[in-house]
Amino acid sequence: MTEMEMEKAQAELDRLLNDPDVRMDPERVWMLADHLSRAAGGNTARPATR
């Protein structure tokens, strides 16, 4: 993931979490958080699916 892609994903995640006019999409939030974590070198466990 390039730095520009990371910035774009971070901005989208921030908007999803903090903008009251944007509908919450938990699946998208988890996906963005996962991609950002992996790009930063983090080792994350995926949330359990139903």
C-alpha atoms as a PDB file:
ATOM      1  CA  MET A   1       0.000   0.000   0.000  1.00  0.00           C
ATOM      2  CA  THR A   2       1.491   3.332  -1.021  1.00  0.00           C
ATOM      3  CA  GLU A   3       1.622   6.293   1.329  1.00  0.00           C
ATOM      4  CA  MET A   4      -1.075   8.047  -0.720  1.00  0.00           C
ATOM      5  CA  GLU A   5      -3.349   4.983  -0.472  1.00  0.00           C
ATOM      6  CA  MET A   6      -2.740   4.863   3.282  1.00  0.00           C
ATOM      7  CA  GLU A   7      -3.649   8.539   3.655  1.00  0.00           C
ATOM      8  CA  LYS A   8      -6.818   8.028   1.617  1.00  0.00           C
ATOM      9  CA  ALA A   9      -7.818   4.975   3.679  1.00  0.00           C
ATOM     10  CA  GLN A  10      -7.094   6.842   6.925  1.00  0.00           C
ATOM     11  CA  ALA A  11      -9.241   9.774   5.792  1.00  0.00           C
ATOM     12  CA  GLU A  12     -12.112   7.440   4.865  1.00  0.00           C
ATOM     13  CA  LEU A  13     -11.828   5.609   8.191  1.00  0.00           C
ATOM     14  CA  ASP A  14     -11.805   8.917  10.060  1.00  0.00           C
ATOM     15  CA  ARG A  15     -14.903  10.054   8.163  1.00  0.00           C
ATOM     16  CA  LEU A  16     -16.760   6.782   8.854  1.00  0.00           C
ATOM     17  CA  LEU A  17     -15.983   6.979  12.558  1.00  0.00           C
ATOM     18  CA  ASN A  18     -16.414  10.695  13.176  1.00  0.00           C
ATOM     19  CA  ASP A  19     -18.796  12.274  10.654  1.00  0.00           C
ATOM     20  CA  PRO A  20     -22.356  12.139  12.008  1.00  0.00           C
ATOM     21  CA  ASP A  21     -23.731  12.612   8.469  1.00  0.00           C
ATOM     22  CA  VAL A  22     -22.044   9.428   7.184  1.00  0.00           C
ATOM     23  CA  ARG A  23     -23.792   6.116   7.763  1.00  0.00           C
ATOM     24  CA  MET A  24     -21.712   3.701   9.840  1.00  0.00           C
ATOM     25  CA  ASP A  25     -20.522   0.675   7.863  1.00  0.00           C
ATOM     26  CA  PRO A  26     -18.823  -1.663  10.375  1.00  0.00           C
ATOM     27  CA  GLU A  27     -17.578  -4.067   7.700  1.00  0.00           C
ATOM     28  CA  ARG A  28     -15.861  -1.217   5.839  1.00  0.00           C
ATOM     29  CA  VAL A  29     -14.399   0.151   9.097  1.00  0.00           C
ATOM     30  CA  TRP A  30     -12.849  -3.238   9.952  1.00  0.00           C
ATOM     31  CA  MET A  31     -11.540  -3.681   6.409  1.00  0.00           C
ATOM     32  CA  LEU A  32      -9.879  -0.252   6.374  1.00  0.00           C
ATOM     33  CA  ALA A  33      -8.430  -0.760   9.851  1.00  0.00           C
ATOM     34  CA  ASP A  34      -7.058  -4.149   8.798  1.00  0.00           C
ATOM     35  CA  HIS A  35      -5.442  -2.764   5.644  1.00  0.00           C
ATOM     36  CA  LEU A  36      -3.892   0.160   7.521  1.00  0.00           C
ATOM     37  CA  SER A  37      -2.585  -2.114  10.245  1.00  0.00           C
ATOM     38  CA  ARG A  38      -1.038  -4.522   7.759  1.00  0.00           C
ATOM     39  CA  ALA A  39       0.517  -1.667   5.792  1.00  0.00           C
ATOM     40  CA  ALA A  40       2.025  -0.299   9.003  1.00  0.00           C
ATOM     41  CA  GLY A  41       3.518  -3.702   9.755  1.00  0.00           C
ATOM     42  CA  GLY A  42       1.043  -4.696  12.443  1.00  0.00           C
ATOM     43  CA  ASN A  43       0.006  -8.296  12.974  1.00  0.00           C
ATOM     44  CA  THR A  44      -3.749  -8.278  13.504  1.00  0.00           C
ATOM     45  CA  ALA A  45      -6.300 -10.951  14.130  1.00  0.00           C
ATOM     46  CA  ARG A  46      -9.452 -10.661  12.072  1.00  0.00           C
ATOM     47  CA  PRO A  47     -12.718 -10.287  13.997  1.00  0.00           C
ATOM     48  CA  ALA A  48     -14.877 -13.385  14.231  1.00  0.00           C
ATOM     49  CA  THR A  49     -17.557 -13.632  11.570  1.00  0.00           C
ATOM     50  CA  ARG A  50     -21.062 -14.783  12.240  1.00  0.00           C
END
